Amino acid sequence: MNATRHEAPCWFKYLFVVVCVIHGEMLVASEPLGNDATEVILIGTLHEFHDQCRDYSRTDLRDLIIGVGPAAILYEMPPTIGGLPTSIDGRIDAGYRGNESIAVNQAADTLGVPAVPYDRDRRNERYQETRYFEREKYVFEKLLEWSSQGGDDSAAAAVGTVMGCLLETVQGAQMDIALHAGPMVVNSAAFDKLSKNTRCLVYELVPSLLAGVAMDTVVVDLAFFSDEWSTRNSIMADNIERIAGEYSGMRIVVLCGAEHRYILRKLLQGRAGIDVREYYEVE
């Protein structure tokens, strides 16, 4: 999808993907599962970067969704942007045309099922009100400066250098997986741990290492980003639960940037009426 209009890139500007190439047969939406639980298939996506990844085009995403055969497709956008709906008659509005939205709408047309937004209401408006991306740019420019600093304080310089290496290593690993690994790797406990540890590194370890350094505004902003991440994902999980209740005993697909997978799985697992599964566990 077009990040300039509605999609919020993560701090290192790479959103990640899971893909399985499905045969081209036309499949119908899932039948009731025979119990009251809603089967929630959580699938990581690349958002606007699908067509930059050799192994995960928008066609692959479309076929993956069709192969799962959901009764509804939940996509990671708020109900409205600028007061206008993102979904019209169960399809992502053409104003948000991008490779992911095209794949979603094509899959929804093939299956005859609705595409439903589930992200935080007023997400984009909040980004503007809080100057989210301006603050994010400033913070990571300062962190880059800190990680490459020299100076007379050898201990502080060493900490900064180690921190920079850790950030580069973790970020590089996620990028390599996103662009080159197969779907089962991205949709794995190992990838989820990498995503979780990346956030712990930046939003928990870095602030503690900045103690005593003249970067108070950076610490404040990192705390803000951490709170926003937790709040947004909690709201998304609540919205998924609410929508899942409308499809009791059936299967739905929930598309999310792959970095969200670990926290959404944690928030959804154990909730009554929800059975969270991977795409490769679908029978």
Protein backbone atom coordinates (compact mmCIF):
# COMPACT_ATOMS: atom_id res chain seq x y z
CA MET A 1 0.00 0.00 0.00
CA ASN A 2 1.05 3.59 -0.46
CA ALA A 3 2.92 4.58 2.69
CA THR A 4 2.72 8.26 1.84
CA ARG A 5 -1.05 8.21 2.16
CA HIS A 6 -1.91 5.92 5.01
CA GLU A 7 0.64 3.30 5.96
CA ALA A 8 3.00 3.82 8.88
CA PRO A 9 6.44 2.35 8.26
CA CYS A 10 8.25 0.94 11.29
CA TRP A 11 11.31 2.72 12.69
CA PHE A 12 13.79 1.17 10.25
CA LYS A 13 11.27 1.50 7.39
CA TYR A 14 11.11 -2.17 6.51
CA LEU A 15 7.87 -4.05 6.90
CA PHE A 16 8.06 -7.78 6.49
CA VAL A 17 6.36 -10.60 4.66
CA VAL A 18 5.21 -14.22 4.60
CA VAL A 19 4.32 -16.03 1.39
CA CYS A 20 3.25 -19.41 0.13
CA VAL A 21 2.75 -19.93 -3.61
CA ILE A 22 -0.64 -21.61 -4.01
CA HIS A 23 -1.89 -23.45 -7.06
CA GLY A 24 -4.24 -21.40 -9.21
CA GLU A 25 -7.50 -23.20 -8.52
CA MET A 26 -10.53 -21.11 -7.56
CA LEU A 27 -11.42 -21.88 -3.97
CA VAL A 28 -14.48 -20.99 -1.94
CA ALA A 29 -14.54 -19.33 1.46
CA SER A 30 -14.19 -21.55 4.48
CA GLU A 31 -17.13 -23.51 5.78
CA PRO A 32 -18.04 -23.40 9.48
CA LEU A 33 -15.52 -25.26 11.62
CA GLY A 34 -18.12 -27.09 13.64
CA ASN A 35 -17.49 -25.21 16.89
CA ASP A 36 -17.92 -21.70 18.26
CA ALA A 37 -14.27 -20.65 17.91
CA THR A 38 -13.17 -18.41 15.05
CA GLU A 39 -10.01 -19.61 13.37
CA VAL A 40 -7.71 -16.59 13.00
CA ILE A 41 -4.94 -17.00 10.43
CA LEU A 42 -2.33 -14.32 11.08
CA ILE A 43 -0.23 -13.55 7.98
CA GLY A 44 2.68 -11.14 7.86
CA THR A 45 2.90 -8.83 4.83
CA LEU A 46 5.33 -6.40 3.22
CA HIS A 47 2.74 -3.67 2.68
CA GLU A 48 3.95 -1.44 -0.15
CA PHE A 49 7.15 -3.44 -0.72
CA HIS A 50 5.64 -6.67 -2.11
CA ASP A 51 6.73 -6.10 -5.67
CA GLN A 52 10.29 -5.37 -4.54
CA CYS A 53 10.60 -8.88 -3.13
CA ARG A 54 11.37 -11.63 -5.62
CA ASP A 55 9.56 -14.33 -3.64
CA TYR A 56 6.52 -12.38 -2.46
CA SER A 57 4.66 -10.43 -5.14
CA ARG A 58 1.12 -9.18 -4.78
CA THR A 59 0.06 -12.20 -6.84
CA ASP A 60 1.65 -14.50 -4.27
CA LEU A 61 -0.19 -12.70 -1.49
CA ARG A 62 -3.47 -12.93 -3.36
CA ASP A 63 -3.03 -16.67 -3.96
CA LEU A 64 -2.01 -17.26 -0.35
CA ILE A 65 -5.22 -15.64 0.91
CA ILE A 66 -7.32 -17.57 -1.60
CA GLY A 67 -5.62 -20.81 -0.60
CA VAL A 68 -6.50 -20.26 3.06
CA GLY A 69 -10.15 -19.67 2.07
CA PRO A 70 -11.30 -17.22 4.77
CA ALA A 71 -14.81 -15.92 5.36
CA ALA A 72 -13.36 -12.40 5.75
CA ILE A 73 -10.04 -10.64 5.13
CA LEU A 74 -8.92 -8.17 7.80
CA TYR A 75 -6.41 -5.58 6.60
CA GLU A 76 -4.16 -3.25 8.58
CA MET A 77 -5.81 0.11 8.03
CA PRO A 78 -8.13 2.24 10.17
CA PRO A 79 -11.85 2.49 9.30
CA THR A 80 -11.40 6.07 8.08
CA ILE A 81 -8.60 8.39 7.03
CA GLY A 82 -9.31 12.09 6.97
CA GLY A 83 -12.96 11.35 7.68
CA LEU A 84 -13.35 9.14 4.59
CA PRO A 85 -13.88 5.35 4.75
CA THR A 86 -11.02 3.09 3.70
CA SER A 87 -13.48 0.35 2.76
CA ILE A 88 -16.43 0.74 0.38
CA ASP A 89 -18.85 -2.16 -0.13
CA GLY A 90 -16.39 -4.56 1.45
CA ARG A 91 -13.41 -3.60 -0.70
CA ILE A 92 -10.41 -1.34 -0.01
CA ASP A 93 -11.14 2.01 -1.61
CA ALA A 94 -9.37 2.61 -4.92
CA GLY A 95 -7.84 5.79 -3.48
CA TYR A 96 -5.50 3.54 -1.49
CA ARG A 97 -4.47 1.51 -4.50
CA GLY A 98 -1.22 -0.35 -3.90
CA ASN A 99 0.09 -3.85 -4.41
CA GLU A 100 -1.27 -5.14 -1.10
CA SER A 101 -4.71 -3.56 -1.51
CA ILE A 102 -4.95 -4.94 -5.05
CA ALA A 103 -4.13 -8.43 -3.78
CA VAL A 104 -6.70 -8.13 -0.99
CA ASN A 105 -9.46 -6.93 -3.29
CA GLN A 106 -8.72 -9.59 -5.90
CA ALA A 107 -8.79 -12.32 -3.25
CA ALA A 108 -12.01 -10.91 -1.79
CA ASP A 109 -13.60 -10.88 -5.26
CA THR A 110 -12.54 -14.47 -5.94
CA LEU A 111 -13.86 -15.72 -2.60
CA GLY A 112 -16.88 -13.44 -2.44
CA VAL A 113 -15.97 -12.25 1.06
CA PRO A 114 -15.54 -8.78 2.64
CA ALA A 115 -12.30 -6.92 3.27
CA VAL A 116 -12.51 -5.34 6.73
CA PRO A 117 -10.24 -2.69 8.33
CA TYR A 118 -9.13 -3.36 11.90
CA ASP A 119 -6.39 -0.85 12.76
CA ARG A 120 -6.60 1.87 15.39
CA ASP A 121 -9.26 4.51 14.70
CA ARG A 122 -7.74 7.91 13.80
CA ARG A 123 -4.32 6.29 13.40
CA ASN A 124 -3.12 8.67 10.72
CA GLU A 125 -4.58 11.73 12.41
CA ARG A 126 -2.71 10.79 15.59
CA TYR A 127 0.54 10.52 13.67
CA GLN A 128 0.07 14.12 12.55
CA GLU A 129 -1.05 15.42 15.93
CA THR A 130 1.92 13.89 17.75
CA ARG A 131 4.44 14.66 14.99
CA TYR A 132 5.24 10.96 15.13
CA PHE A 133 7.44 10.64 12.07
CA GLU A 134 9.33 13.89 12.62
CA ARG A 135 10.18 12.76 16.14
CA GLU A 136 11.12 9.31 14.89
CA LYS A 137 13.51 10.74 12.31
CA TYR A 138 15.13 12.99 14.92
CA VAL A 139 15.55 10.14 17.44
CA PHE A 140 17.26 7.76 15.07
CA GLU A 141 19.50 10.46 13.65
CA LYS A 142 20.63 11.17 17.22
CA LEU A 143 21.11 7.46 17.91
CA LEU A 144 23.18 7.11 14.76
CA GLU A 145 25.29 10.08 15.83
CA TRP A 146 25.71 8.61 19.30
CA SER A 147 26.64 5.14 18.03
CA SER A 148 29.43 6.59 15.87
CA GLN A 149 30.76 9.12 18.38
CA GLY A 150 34.37 9.23 19.48
CA GLY A 151 35.72 11.59 22.08
CA ASP A 152 37.74 11.38 25.23
CA ASP A 153 35.29 9.20 27.13
CA SER A 154 36.42 5.80 25.85
CA ALA A 155 33.80 3.90 27.87
CA ALA A 156 30.93 5.94 26.43
CA ALA A 157 32.39 5.64 22.94
CA ALA A 158 32.66 1.88 23.33
CA VAL A 159 29.03 1.59 24.46
CA GLY A 160 27.92 3.67 21.49
CA THR A 161 29.93 1.55 19.07
CA VAL A 162 28.58 -1.73 20.45
CA MET A 163 25.06 -0.35 20.35
CA GLY A 164 25.46 0.67 16.72
CA CYS A 165 26.74 -2.79 15.79
CA LEU A 166 23.83 -4.48 17.54
CA LEU A 167 21.28 -2.27 15.82
CA GLU A 168 22.89 -2.83 12.43
CA THR A 169 23.10 -6.61 12.94
CA VAL A 170 19.49 -7.04 14.05
CA GLN A 171 18.14 -4.70 11.39
CA GLY A 172 20.20 -6.42 8.71
CA ALA A 173 19.01 -9.86 9.80
CA GLN A 174 15.37 -8.81 9.59
CA MET A 175 15.89 -7.26 6.17
CA ASP A 176 17.61 -10.37 4.81
CA ILE A 177 14.81 -12.58 6.08
CA ALA A 178 12.17 -10.28 4.62
CA LEU A 179 13.73 -10.27 1.17
CA HIS A 180 15.15 -13.78 0.87
CA ALA A 181 13.70 -16.29 3.34
CA GLY A 182 10.66 -18.45 2.69
CA PRO A 183 7.24 -18.11 4.27
CA MET A 184 7.72 -20.64 7.05
CA VAL A 185 10.79 -18.78 8.29
CA VAL A 186 9.02 -15.43 8.46
CA ASN A 187 5.99 -17.06 10.06
CA SER A 188 8.05 -18.77 12.71
CA ALA A 189 8.81 -18.44 16.38
CA ALA A 190 12.39 -17.56 15.45
CA PHE A 191 11.34 -14.56 13.35
CA ASP A 192 8.89 -13.44 16.01
CA LYS A 193 11.67 -13.55 18.61
CA LEU A 194 13.89 -11.48 16.34
CA SER A 195 11.13 -8.87 15.97
CA LYS A 196 10.52 -8.83 19.71
CA ASN A 197 14.19 -8.55 20.58
CA THR A 198 14.65 -5.71 18.10
CA ARG A 199 12.05 -3.67 19.92
CA CYS A 200 13.47 -4.63 23.33
CA LEU A 201 16.90 -3.55 22.15
CA VAL A 202 15.75 -0.13 20.96
CA TYR A 203 13.04 0.73 23.47
CA GLU A 204 14.36 -0.91 26.65
CA LEU A 205 18.13 -1.37 26.42
CA VAL A 206 18.98 1.86 24.59
CA PRO A 207 17.25 4.15 27.12
CA SER A 208 19.14 2.48 29.96
CA LEU A 209 22.43 2.95 28.12
CA LEU A 210 21.62 6.62 27.59
CA ALA A 211 21.51 7.24 31.34
CA GLY A 212 23.91 10.05 32.10
CA VAL A 213 24.17 11.08 28.44
CA ALA A 214 22.74 14.46 27.43
CA MET A 215 19.94 12.91 25.37
CA ASP A 216 16.89 13.34 27.59
CA THR A 217 14.60 14.20 24.68
CA VAL A 218 15.59 10.98 22.93
CA VAL A 219 14.73 8.93 26.01
CA VAL A 220 11.35 10.68 26.30
CA ASP A 221 10.56 10.04 22.64
CA LEU A 222 11.59 6.39 22.87
CA ALA A 223 9.20 5.95 25.79
CA PHE A 224 6.48 7.61 23.72
CA PHE A 225 7.08 5.27 20.76
CA SER A 226 7.04 2.25 23.06
CA ASP A 227 3.72 3.29 24.60
CA GLU A 228 2.23 3.98 21.16
CA TRP A 229 3.30 0.55 19.94
CA SER A 230 1.72 -1.21 22.91
CA THR A 231 -1.48 0.83 22.74
CA ARG A 232 -1.93 0.43 18.99
CA ASN A 233 -1.40 -3.33 19.05
CA SER A 234 -3.77 -3.74 22.00
CA ILE A 235 -6.46 -1.85 20.09
CA MET A 236 -5.80 -3.93 16.98
CA ALA A 237 -6.13 -7.15 18.98
CA ASP A 238 -9.40 -5.94 20.53
CA ASN A 239 -10.74 -5.08 17.07
CA ILE A 240 -9.72 -8.48 15.72
CA GLU A 241 -11.54 -10.15 18.62
CA ARG A 242 -14.66 -8.07 18.00
CA ILE A 243 -14.72 -8.83 14.26
CA ALA A 244 -13.90 -12.50 14.87
CA GLY A 245 -17.05 -12.70 16.99
CA GLU A 246 -19.05 -11.99 13.84
CA TYR A 247 -17.57 -15.10 12.19
CA SER A 248 -18.03 -17.63 14.97
CA GLY A 249 -17.10 -21.13 13.87
CA MET A 250 -15.48 -19.88 10.67
CA ARG A 251 -12.02 -18.84 9.47
CA ILE A 252 -10.72 -15.31 8.92
CA VAL A 253 -7.39 -14.01 7.64
CA VAL A 254 -5.67 -11.15 9.45
CA LEU A 255 -2.97 -9.39 7.45
CA CYS A 256 -0.35 -7.46 9.39
CA GLY A 257 3.14 -6.14 8.94
CA ALA A 258 5.29 -9.09 10.01
CA GLU A 259 6.85 -7.10 12.86
CA HIS A 260 3.40 -7.08 14.49
CA ARG A 261 3.11 -10.87 14.48
CA TYR A 262 4.77 -11.61 17.79
CA ILE A 263 2.73 -9.13 19.81
CA LEU A 264 -0.61 -9.81 18.11
CA ARG A 265 -0.19 -13.54 18.65
CA LYS A 266 0.57 -12.93 22.31
CA LEU A 267 -2.43 -10.63 22.74
CA LEU A 268 -4.85 -12.93 20.92
CA GLN A 269 -3.82 -16.31 22.24
CA GLY A 270 -5.98 -17.49 25.09
CA ARG A 271 -8.91 -15.22 24.27
CA ALA A 272 -12.23 -17.01 24.36
CA GLY A 273 -13.65 -17.82 20.95
CA ILE A 274 -10.36 -17.35 19.06
CA ASP A 275 -8.06 -20.04 17.68
CA VAL A 276 -4.86 -18.42 16.32
CA ARG A 277 -3.13 -20.50 13.67
CA GLU A 278 -0.45 -20.25 11.00
CA TYR A 279 -1.31 -20.48 7.32
CA TYR A 280 0.60 -23.78 7.05
CA GLU A 281 -1.53 -25.30 9.81
CA VAL A 282 -4.71 -24.91 7.77
CA GLU A 283 -6.21 -28.20 6.67
